[in-house]
Amino acid sequence: RRGAAILAQTLPYLPAGVHLAVVDPAVGVNRRAVAVEAGG
């Protein structure tokens, strides 16, 4: 939740590009990795 808030609130000041966020309390389990296209 904290990571999601930081990324969303910082996004308006970041240039368009690839935005990588890795915060995962369940790392090491079979978690799906995703790429999402939004707003260029």
PDB file of all heavy atoms in Angstrom:
ATOM      1  N   ARG A   1       0.827  -1.211   0.000  1.00  0.00           N
ATOM      2  CA  ARG A   1       0.000   0.000   0.000  1.00  0.00           C
ATOM      3  C   ARG A   1       0.862   1.262   0.000  1.00  0.00           C
ATOM      4  O   ARG A   1       0.586   2.200  -0.748  1.00  0.00           O
ATOM      5  CB  ARG A   1      -0.915  -0.033   1.217  1.00  0.00           C
ATOM      6  CG  ARG A   1      -1.907   1.105   1.304  1.00  0.00           C
ATOM      7  CD  ARG A   1      -2.661   1.028   2.629  1.00  0.00           C
ATOM      8  NE  ARG A   1      -3.590   2.124   2.761  1.00  0.00           N
ATOM      9  CZ  ARG A   1      -4.853   2.091   2.336  1.00  0.00           C
ATOM     10  NH1 ARG A   1      -5.315   1.017   1.745  1.00  0.00           N
ATOM     11  NH2 ARG A   1      -5.642   3.136   2.502  1.00  0.00           N
ATOM     12  N   ARG A   2       1.900   1.281   0.825  1.00  0.00           N
ATOM     13  CA  ARG A   2       2.802   2.438   0.859  1.00  0.00           C
ATOM     14  C   ARG A   2       3.497   2.607  -0.479  1.00  0.00           C
ATOM     15  O   ARG A   2       3.612   3.715  -1.005  1.00  0.00           O
ATOM     16  CB  ARG A   2       3.824   2.253   1.988  1.00  0.00           C
ATOM     17  CG  ARG A   2       4.905   3.331   2.038  1.00  0.00           C
ATOM     18  CD  ARG A   2       4.356   4.660   2.478  1.00  0.00           C
ATOM     19  NE  ARG A   2       5.418   5.638   2.659  1.00  0.00           N
ATOM     20  CZ  ARG A   2       5.283   6.936   2.466  1.00  0.00           C
ATOM     21  NH1 ARG A   2       4.123   7.439   2.120  1.00  0.00           N
ATOM     22  NH2 ARG A   2       6.288   7.762   2.658  1.00  0.00           N
ATOM     23  N   GLY A   3       3.967   1.506  -1.063  1.00  0.00           N
ATOM     24  CA  GLY A   3       4.610   1.589  -2.372  1.00  0.00           C
ATOM     25  C   GLY A   3       3.667   2.097  -3.447  1.00  0.00           C
ATOM     26  O   GLY A   3       4.037   2.919  -4.285  1.00  0.00           O
ATOM     27  N   ALA A   4       2.419   1.614  -3.415  1.00  0.00           N
ATOM     28  CA  ALA A   4       1.436   2.051  -4.400  1.00  0.00           C
ATOM     29  C   ALA A   4       1.162   3.541  -4.277  1.00  0.00           C
ATOM     30  O   ALA A   4       1.023   4.251  -5.289  1.00  0.00           O
ATOM     31  CB  ALA A   4       0.139   1.258  -4.237  1.00  0.00           C
ATOM     32  N   ALA A   5       1.076   4.043  -3.049  1.00  0.00           N
ATOM     33  CA  ALA A   5       0.823   5.469  -2.840  1.00  0.00           C
ATOM     34  C   ALA A   5       1.995   6.312  -3.335  1.00  0.00           C
ATOM     35  O   ALA A   5       1.804   7.340  -3.992  1.00  0.00           O
ATOM     36  CB  ALA A   5       0.567   5.742  -1.360  1.00  0.00           C
ATOM     37  N   ILE A   6       3.215   5.882  -3.025  1.00  0.00           N
ATOM     38  CA  ILE A   6       4.389   6.642  -3.466  1.00  0.00           C
ATOM     39  C   ILE A   6       4.438   6.715  -4.991  1.00  0.00           C
ATOM     40  O   ILE A   6       4.660   7.788  -5.572  1.00  0.00           O
ATOM     41  CB  ILE A   6       5.673   5.998  -2.918  1.00  0.00           C
ATOM     42  CG1 ILE A   6       5.762   6.197  -1.405  1.00  0.00           C
ATOM     43  CG2 ILE A   6       6.914   6.586  -3.601  1.00  0.00           C
ATOM     44  CD1 ILE A   6       6.892   5.432  -0.754  1.00  0.00           C
ATOM     45  N   LEU A   7       4.243   5.586  -5.646  1.00  0.00           N
ATOM     46  CA  LEU A   7       4.324   5.579  -7.111  1.00  0.00           C
ATOM     47  C   LEU A   7       3.239   6.454  -7.734  1.00  0.00           C
ATOM     48  O   LEU A   7       3.515   7.253  -8.641  1.00  0.00           O
ATOM     49  CB  LEU A   7       4.212   4.143  -7.634  1.00  0.00           C
ATOM     50  CG  LEU A   7       4.362   3.974  -9.146  1.00  0.00           C
ATOM     51  CD1 LEU A   7       5.723   4.494  -9.620  1.00  0.00           C
ATOM     52  CD2 LEU A   7       4.180   2.505  -9.544  1.00  0.00           C
ATOM     53  N   ALA A   8       2.011   6.334  -7.245  1.00  0.00           N
ATOM     54  CA  ALA A   8       0.912   7.114  -7.815  1.00  0.00           C
ATOM     55  C   ALA A   8       1.102   8.608  -7.600  1.00  0.00           C
ATOM     56  O   ALA A   8       0.819   9.421  -8.495  1.00  0.00           O
ATOM     57  CB  ALA A   8      -0.420   6.659  -7.212  1.00  0.00           C
ATOM     58  N   GLN A   9       1.600   8.999  -6.426  1.00  0.00           N
ATOM     59  CA  GLN A   9       1.756  10.418  -6.130  1.00  0.00           C
ATOM     60  C   GLN A   9       2.977  11.028  -6.798  1.00  0.00           C
ATOM     61  O   GLN A   9       3.038  12.242  -7.005  1.00  0.00           O
ATOM     62  CB  GLN A   9       1.815  10.616  -4.613  1.00  0.00           C
ATOM     63  CG  GLN A   9       0.486  10.313  -3.942  1.00  0.00           C
ATOM     64  CD  GLN A   9       0.575  10.281  -2.427  1.00  0.00           C
ATOM     65  OE1 GLN A   9       1.474  10.867  -1.832  1.00  0.00           O
ATOM     66  NE2 GLN A   9      -0.355   9.588  -1.789  1.00  0.00           N
ATOM     67  N   THR A  10       3.950  10.191  -7.149  1.00  0.00           N
ATOM     68  CA  THR A  10       5.152  10.674  -7.836  1.00  0.00           C
ATOM     69  C   THR A  10       4.957  10.704  -9.344  1.00  0.00           C
ATOM     70  O   THR A  10       5.603  11.502 -10.047  1.00  0.00           O
ATOM     71  CB  THR A  10       6.364   9.776  -7.491  1.00  0.00           C
ATOM     72  OG1 THR A  10       6.468   9.652  -6.088  1.00  0.00           O
ATOM     73  CG2 THR A  10       7.661  10.360  -8.024  1.00  0.00           C
ATOM     74  N   LEU A  11       4.067   9.877  -9.858  1.00  0.00           N
ATOM     75  CA  LEU A  11       3.918   9.698 -11.300  1.00  0.00           C
ATOM     76  C   LEU A  11       3.738  10.996 -12.085  1.00  0.00           C
ATOM     77  O   LEU A  11       4.336  11.148 -13.164  1.00  0.00           O
ATOM     78  CB  LEU A  11       2.753   8.738 -11.576  1.00  0.00           C
ATOM     79  CG  LEU A  11       2.632   8.269 -13.023  1.00  0.00           C
ATOM     80  CD1 LEU A  11       3.790   7.339 -13.381  1.00  0.00           C
ATOM     81  CD2 LEU A  11       1.291   7.567 -13.241  1.00  0.00           C
ATOM     82  N   PRO A  12       2.947  11.975 -11.616  1.00  0.00           N
ATOM     83  CA  PRO A  12       2.767  13.187 -12.424  1.00  0.00           C
ATOM     84  C   PRO A  12       4.062  13.949 -12.699  1.00  0.00           C
ATOM     85  O   PRO A  12       4.113  14.761 -13.622  1.00  0.00           O
ATOM     86  CB  PRO A  12       1.813  14.036 -11.579  1.00  0.00           C
ATOM     87  CG  PRO A  12       1.086  13.056 -10.719  1.00  0.00           C
ATOM     88  CD  PRO A  12       2.098  11.994 -10.411  1.00  0.00           C
ATOM     89  N   TYR A  13       5.098  13.683 -11.928  1.00  0.00           N
ATOM     90  CA  TYR A  13       6.363  14.409 -12.077  1.00  0.00           C
ATOM     91  C   TYR A  13       7.438  13.566 -12.761  1.00  0.00           C
ATOM     92  O   TYR A  13       8.578  14.003 -12.903  1.00  0.00           O
ATOM     93  CB  TYR A  13       6.850  14.864 -10.692  1.00  0.00           C
ATOM     94  CG  TYR A  13       5.769  15.587  -9.938  1.00  0.00           C
ATOM     95  CD1 TYR A  13       5.005  14.928  -8.982  1.00  0.00           C
ATOM     96  CD2 TYR A  13       5.455  16.917 -10.230  1.00  0.00           C
ATOM     97  CE1 TYR A  13       3.976  15.572  -8.316  1.00  0.00           C
ATOM     98  CE2 TYR A  13       4.423  17.563  -9.570  1.00  0.00           C
ATOM     99  CZ  TYR A  13       3.690  16.895  -8.614  1.00  0.00           C
ATOM    100  OH  TYR A  13       2.670  17.548  -7.969  1.00  0.00           O
ATOM    101  N   LEU A  14       7.058  12.368 -13.214  1.00  0.00           N
ATOM    102  CA  LEU A  14       7.999  11.480 -13.881  1.00  0.00           C
ATOM    103  C   LEU A  14       7.768  11.501 -15.383  1.00  0.00           C
ATOM    104  O   LEU A  14       6.617  11.520 -15.837  1.00  0.00           O
ATOM    105  CB  LEU A  14       7.830  10.046 -13.370  1.00  0.00           C
ATOM    106  CG  LEU A  14       8.114   9.805 -11.890  1.00  0.00           C
ATOM    107  CD1 LEU A  14       7.741   8.371 -11.509  1.00  0.00           C
ATOM    108  CD2 LEU A  14       9.568  10.091 -11.562  1.00  0.00           C
ATOM    109  N   PRO A  15       8.839  11.470 -16.168  1.00  0.00           N
ATOM    110  CA  PRO A  15       8.649  11.372 -17.616  1.00  0.00           C
ATOM    111  C   PRO A  15       8.070  10.017 -17.982  1.00  0.00           C
ATOM    112  O   PRO A  15       8.219   9.040 -17.233  1.00  0.00           O
ATOM    113  CB  PRO A  15      10.074  11.531 -18.172  1.00  0.00           C
ATOM    114  CG  PRO A  15      10.966  11.136 -17.043  1.00  0.00           C
ATOM    115  CD  PRO A  15      10.252  11.518 -15.787  1.00  0.00           C
ATOM    116  N   ALA A  16       7.394   9.970 -19.125  1.00  0.00           N
ATOM    117  CA  ALA A  16       6.864   8.694 -19.597  1.00  0.00           C
ATOM    118  C   ALA A  16       8.013   7.731 -19.820  1.00  0.00           C
ATOM    119  O   ALA A  16       9.111   8.116 -20.234  1.00  0.00           O
ATOM    120  CB  ALA A  16       6.078   8.902 -20.890  1.00  0.00           C
ATOM    121  N   GLY A  17       7.770   6.485 -19.535  1.00  0.00           N
ATOM    122  CA  GLY A  17       8.814   5.476 -19.703  1.00  0.00           C
ATOM    123  C   GLY A  17       8.352   4.159 -19.137  1.00  0.00           C
ATOM    124  O   GLY A  17       7.159   3.849 -19.107  1.00  0.00           O
ATOM    125  N   VAL A  18       9.293   3.382 -18.630  1.00  0.00           N
ATOM    126  CA  VAL A  18       9.010   2.103 -17.984  1.00  0.00           C
ATOM    127  C   VAL A  18       9.080   2.332 -16.479  1.00  0.00           C
ATOM    128  O   VAL A  18      10.093   2.811 -15.968  1.00  0.00           O
ATOM    129  CB  VAL A  18      10.028   1.029 -18.408  1.00  0.00           C
ATOM    130  CG1 VAL A  18       9.732  -0.282 -17.683  1.00  0.00           C
ATOM    131  CG2 VAL A  18      10.002   0.825 -19.920  1.00  0.00           C
ATOM    132  N   HIS A  19       8.013   1.989 -15.779  1.00  0.00           N
ATOM    133  CA  HIS A  19       7.932   2.231 -14.340  1.00  0.00           C
ATOM    134  C   HIS A  19       7.919   0.878 -13.624  1.00  0.00           C
ATOM    135  O   HIS A  19       6.926   0.144 -13.687  1.00  0.00           O
ATOM    136  CB  HIS A  19       6.692   3.056 -14.011  1.00  0.00           C
ATOM    137  CG  HIS A  19       6.632   4.339 -14.775  1.00  0.00           C
ATOM    138  ND1 HIS A  19       7.452   5.414 -14.488  1.00  0.00           N
ATOM    139  CD2 HIS A  19       5.888   4.715 -15.853  1.00  0.00           C
ATOM    140  CE1 HIS A  19       7.198   6.406 -15.327  1.00  0.00           C
ATOM    141  NE2 HIS A  19       6.256   5.997 -16.164  1.00  0.00           N
ATOM    142  N   LEU A  20       9.016   0.580 -12.976  1.00  0.00           N
ATOM    143  CA  LEU A  20       9.205  -0.710 -12.328  1.00  0.00           C
ATOM    144  C   LEU A  20       9.040  -0.555 -10.819  1.00  0.00           C
ATOM    145  O   LEU A  20       9.714   0.273 -10.201  1.00  0.00           O
ATOM    146  CB  LEU A  20      10.600  -1.247 -12.668  1.00  0.00           C
ATOM    147  CG  LEU A  20      11.105  -2.495 -11.943  1.00  0.00           C
ATOM    148  CD1 LEU A  20      10.123  -3.646 -12.089  1.00  0.00           C
ATOM    149  CD2 LEU A  20      12.471  -2.883 -12.490  1.00  0.00           C
ATOM    150  N   ALA A  21       8.141  -1.330 -10.229  1.00  0.00           N
ATOM    151  CA  ALA A  21       7.912  -1.288  -8.790  1.00  0.00           C
ATOM    152  C   ALA A  21       7.930  -2.719  -8.259  1.00  0.00           C
ATOM    153  O   ALA A  21       7.154  -3.569  -8.728  1.00  0.00           O
ATOM    154  CB  ALA A  21       6.572  -0.625  -8.478  1.00  0.00           C
ATOM    155  N   VAL A  22       8.809  -2.978  -7.316  1.00  0.00           N
ATOM    156  CA  VAL A  22       8.914  -4.325  -6.739  1.00  0.00           C
ATOM    157  C   VAL A  22       8.838  -4.217  -5.220  1.00  0.00           C
ATOM    158  O   VAL A  22       9.822  -3.895  -4.556  1.00  0.00           O
ATOM    159  CB  VAL A  22      10.217  -5.038  -7.154  1.00  0.00           C
ATOM    160  CG1 VAL A  22      10.195  -6.482  -6.661  1.00  0.00           C
ATOM    161  CG2 VAL A  22      10.419  -4.999  -8.664  1.00  0.00           C
ATOM    162  N   VAL A  23       7.653  -4.429  -4.711  1.00  0.00           N
ATOM    163  CA  VAL A  23       7.407  -4.540  -3.273  1.00  0.00           C
ATOM    164  C   VAL A  23       6.475  -5.729  -3.134  1.00  0.00           C
ATOM    165  O   VAL A  23       5.333  -5.680  -3.577  1.00  0.00           O
ATOM    166  CB  VAL A  23       6.751  -3.271  -2.691  1.00  0.00           C
ATOM    167  CG1 VAL A  23       6.440  -3.467  -1.208  1.00  0.00           C
ATOM    168  CG2 VAL A  23       7.632  -2.048  -2.906  1.00  0.00           C
ATOM    169  N   ASP A  24       6.965  -6.812  -2.535  1.00  0.00           N
ATOM    170  CA  ASP A  24       6.184  -8.049  -2.561  1.00  0.00           C
ATOM    171  C   ASP A  24       6.453  -8.889  -1.315  1.00  0.00           C
ATOM    172  O   ASP A  24       7.494  -9.540  -1.221  1.00  0.00           O
ATOM    173  CB  ASP A  24       6.513  -8.862  -3.810  1.00  0.00           C
ATOM    174  CG  ASP A  24       5.519  -9.993  -4.031  1.00  0.00           C
ATOM    175  OD1 ASP A  24       4.569 -10.114  -3.240  1.00  0.00           O
ATOM    176  OD2 ASP A  24       5.690 -10.752  -5.000  1.00  0.00           O
ATOM    177  N   PRO A  25       5.531  -8.867  -0.350  1.00  0.00           N
ATOM    178  CA  PRO A  25       5.744  -9.670   0.858  1.00  0.00           C
ATOM    179  C   PRO A  25       5.717 -11.166   0.590  1.00  0.00           C
ATOM    180  O   PRO A  25       6.173 -11.948   1.422  1.00  0.00           O
ATOM    181  CB  PRO A  25       4.578  -9.251   1.762  1.00  0.00           C
ATOM    182  CG  PRO A  25       3.528  -8.749   0.828  1.00  0.00           C
ATOM    183  CD  PRO A  25       4.274  -8.115  -0.312  1.00  0.00           C
ATOM    184  N   ALA A  26       5.215 -11.578  -0.580  1.00  0.00           N
ATOM    185  CA  ALA A  26       5.119 -13.003  -0.907  1.00  0.00           C
ATOM    186  C   ALA A  26       6.171 -13.416  -1.920  1.00  0.00           C
ATOM    187  O   ALA A  26       5.979 -14.387  -2.651  1.00  0.00           O
ATOM    188  CB  ALA A  26       3.723 -13.322  -1.427  1.00  0.00           C
ATOM    189  N   VAL A  27       7.297 -12.684  -2.004  1.00  0.00           N
ATOM    190  CA  VAL A  27       8.339 -13.047  -2.943  1.00  0.00           C
ATOM    191  C   VAL A  27       8.793 -14.476  -2.677  1.00  0.00           C
ATOM    192  O   VAL A  27       8.900 -14.921  -1.537  1.00  0.00           O
ATOM    193  CB  VAL A  27       9.541 -12.077  -2.842  1.00  0.00           C
ATOM    194  CG1 VAL A  27      10.230 -12.198  -1.493  1.00  0.00           C
ATOM    195  CG2 VAL A  27      10.531 -12.301  -3.978  1.00  0.00           C
ATOM    196  N   GLY A  28       9.034 -15.204  -3.755  1.00  0.00           N
ATOM    197  CA  GLY A  28       9.447 -16.596  -3.633  1.00  0.00           C
ATOM    198  C   GLY A  28       8.313 -17.575  -3.858  1.00  0.00           C
ATOM    199  O   GLY A  28       8.550 -18.766  -4.052  1.00  0.00           O
ATOM    200  N   VAL A  29       7.066 -17.083  -3.848  1.00  0.00           N
ATOM    201  CA  VAL A  29       5.935 -17.950  -4.174  1.00  0.00           C
ATOM    202  C   VAL A  29       5.562 -17.712  -5.630  1.00  0.00           C
ATOM    203  O   VAL A  29       6.145 -16.877  -6.314  1.00  0.00           O
ATOM    204  CB  VAL A  29       4.733 -17.676  -3.257  1.00  0.00           C
ATOM    205  CG1 VAL A  29       5.123 -17.867  -1.814  1.00  0.00           C
ATOM    206  CG2 VAL A  29       4.177 -16.272  -3.463  1.00  0.00           C
ATOM    207  N   ASN A  30       4.595 -18.431  -6.109  1.00  0.00           N
ATOM    208  CA  ASN A  30       4.244 -18.362  -7.521  1.00  0.00           C
ATOM    209  C   ASN A  30       3.389 -17.136  -7.805  1.00  0.00           C
ATOM    210  O   ASN A  30       2.197 -17.238  -8.092  1.00  0.00           O
ATOM    211  CB  ASN A  30       3.510 -19.648  -7.937  1.00  0.00           C
ATOM    212  CG  ASN A  30       3.326 -19.735  -9.440  1.00  0.00           C
ATOM    213  OD1 ASN A  30       4.074 -19.131 -10.207  1.00  0.00           O
ATOM    214  ND2 ASN A  30       2.332 -20.493  -9.861  1.00  0.00           N
ATOM    215  N   ARG A  31       4.002 -15.965  -7.733  1.00  0.00           N
ATOM    216  CA  ARG A  31       3.312 -14.695  -7.978  1.00  0.00           C
ATOM    217  C   ARG A  31       3.439 -14.330  -9.454  1.00  0.00           C
ATOM    218  O   ARG A  31       4.528 -14.372 -10.023  1.00  0.00           O
ATOM    219  CB  ARG A  31       3.926 -13.591  -7.133  1.00  0.00           C
ATOM    220  CG  ARG A  31       3.400 -12.199  -7.423  1.00  0.00           C
ATOM    221  CD  ARG A  31       2.151 -11.876  -6.651  1.00  0.00           C
ATOM    222  NE  ARG A  31       2.474 -11.636  -5.246  1.00  0.00           N
ATOM    223  CZ  ARG A  31       1.574 -11.524  -4.288  1.00  0.00           C
ATOM    224  NH1 ARG A  31       0.297 -11.659  -4.570  1.00  0.00           N
ATOM    225  NH2 ARG A  31       1.924 -11.287  -3.038  1.00  0.00           N
ATOM    226  N   ARG A  32       2.359 -13.958 -10.087  1.00  0.00           N
ATOM    227  CA  ARG A  32       2.402 -13.544 -11.483  1.00  0.00           C
ATOM    228  C   ARG A  32       3.123 -12.211 -11.624  1.00  0.00           C
ATOM    229  O   ARG A  32       2.918 -11.289 -10.837  1.00  0.00           O
ATOM    230  CB  ARG A  32       0.971 -13.434 -12.003  1.00  0.00           C
ATOM    231  CG  ARG A  32       0.837 -13.021 -13.459  1.00  0.00           C
ATOM    232  CD  ARG A  32      -0.580 -13.244 -13.938  1.00  0.00           C
ATOM    233  NE  ARG A  32      -1.568 -12.588 -13.076  1.00  0.00           N
ATOM    234  CZ  ARG A  32      -2.856 -12.899 -13.042  1.00  0.00           C
ATOM    235  NH1 ARG A  32      -3.302 -13.886 -13.788  1.00  0.00           N
ATOM    236  NH2 ARG A  32      -3.691 -12.244 -12.259  1.00  0.00           N
ATOM    237  N   ALA A  33       3.998 -12.117 -12.617  1.00  0.00           N
ATOM    238  CA  ALA A  33       4.657 -10.854 -12.968  1.00  0.00           C
ATOM    239  C   ALA A  33       3.933 -10.271 -14.170  1.00  0.00           C
ATOM    240  O   ALA A  33       3.596 -11.000 -15.108  1.00  0.00           O
ATOM    241  CB  ALA A  33       6.124 -11.090 -13.293  1.00  0.00           C
ATOM    242  N   VAL A  34       3.699  -8.942 -14.143  1.00  0.00           N
ATOM    243  CA  VAL A  34       2.874  -8.344 -15.195  1.00  0.00           C
ATOM    244  C   VAL A  34       3.498  -7.077 -15.755  1.00  0.00           C
ATOM    245  O   VAL A  34       4.294  -6.406 -15.092  1.00  0.00           O
ATOM    246  CB  VAL A  34       1.450  -8.017 -14.669  1.00  0.00           C
ATOM    247  CG1 VAL A  34       0.702  -9.295 -14.309  1.00  0.00           C
ATOM    248  CG2 VAL A  34       1.501  -7.066 -13.482  1.00  0.00           C
ATOM    249  N   ALA A  35       3.116  -6.786 -16.976  1.00  0.00           N
ATOM    250  CA  ALA A  35       3.398  -5.508 -17.624  1.00  0.00           C
ATOM    251  C   ALA A  35       2.059  -4.903 -18.003  1.00  0.00           C
ATOM    252  O   ALA A  35       1.203  -5.587 -18.578  1.00  0.00           O
ATOM    253  CB  ALA A  35       4.264  -5.701 -18.863  1.00  0.00           C
ATOM    254  N   VAL A  36       1.871  -3.636 -17.677  1.00  0.00           N
ATOM    255  CA  VAL A  36       0.593  -2.960 -17.921  1.00  0.00           C
ATOM    256  C   VAL A  36       0.859  -1.681 -18.707  1.00  0.00           C
ATOM    257  O   VAL A  36       1.704  -0.864 -18.306  1.00  0.00           O
ATOM    258  CB  VAL A  36      -0.124  -2.617 -16.599  1.00  0.00           C
ATOM    259  CG1 VAL A  36      -1.486  -1.981 -16.882  1.00  0.00           C
ATOM    260  CG2 VAL A  36      -0.280  -3.855 -15.724  1.00  0.00           C
ATOM    261  N   GLU A  37       0.154  -1.513 -19.813  1.00  0.00           N
ATOM    262  CA  GLU A  37       0.264  -0.281 -20.603  1.00  0.00           C
ATOM    263  C   GLU A  37      -0.856   0.671 -20.192  1.00  0.00           C
ATOM    264  O   GLU A  37      -2.025   0.292 -20.127  1.00  0.00           O
ATOM    265  CB  GLU A  37       0.158  -0.597 -22.095  1.00  0.00           C
ATOM    266  CG  GLU A  37       1.334  -1.398 -22.632  1.00  0.00           C
ATOM    267  CD  GLU A  37       1.232  -1.633 -24.127  1.00  0.00           C
ATOM    268  OE1 GLU A  37       0.265  -2.308 -24.554  1.00  0.00           O
ATOM    269  OE2 GLU A  37       2.111  -1.139 -24.875  1.00  0.00           O
ATOM    270  N   ALA A  38      -0.477   1.921 -19.912  1.00  0.00           N
ATOM    271  CA  ALA A  38      -1.456   2.933 -19.519  1.00  0.00           C
ATOM    272  C   ALA A  38      -0.881   4.314 -19.780  1.00  0.00           C
ATOM    273  O   ALA A  38       0.251   4.601 -19.375  1.00  0.00           O
ATOM    274  CB  ALA A  38      -1.816   2.794 -18.036  1.00  0.00           C
ATOM    275  N   GLY A  39      -1.626   5.146 -20.476  1.00  0.00           N
ATOM    276  CA  GLY A  39      -1.231   6.538 -20.673  1.00  0.00           C
ATOM    277  C   GLY A  39       0.124   6.722 -21.331  1.00  0.00           C
ATOM    278  O   GLY A  39       0.853   7.656 -20.981  1.00  0.00           O
ATOM    279  N   GLY A  40       0.496   5.878 -22.265  1.00  0.00           N
ATOM    280  CA  GLY A  40       1.787   6.001 -22.939  1.00  0.00           C
ATOM    281  C   GLY A  40       2.961   5.528 -22.102  1.00  0.00           C
ATOM    282  O   GLY A  40       4.118   5.808 -22.421  1.00  0.00           O
TER     283      GLY A  40
END
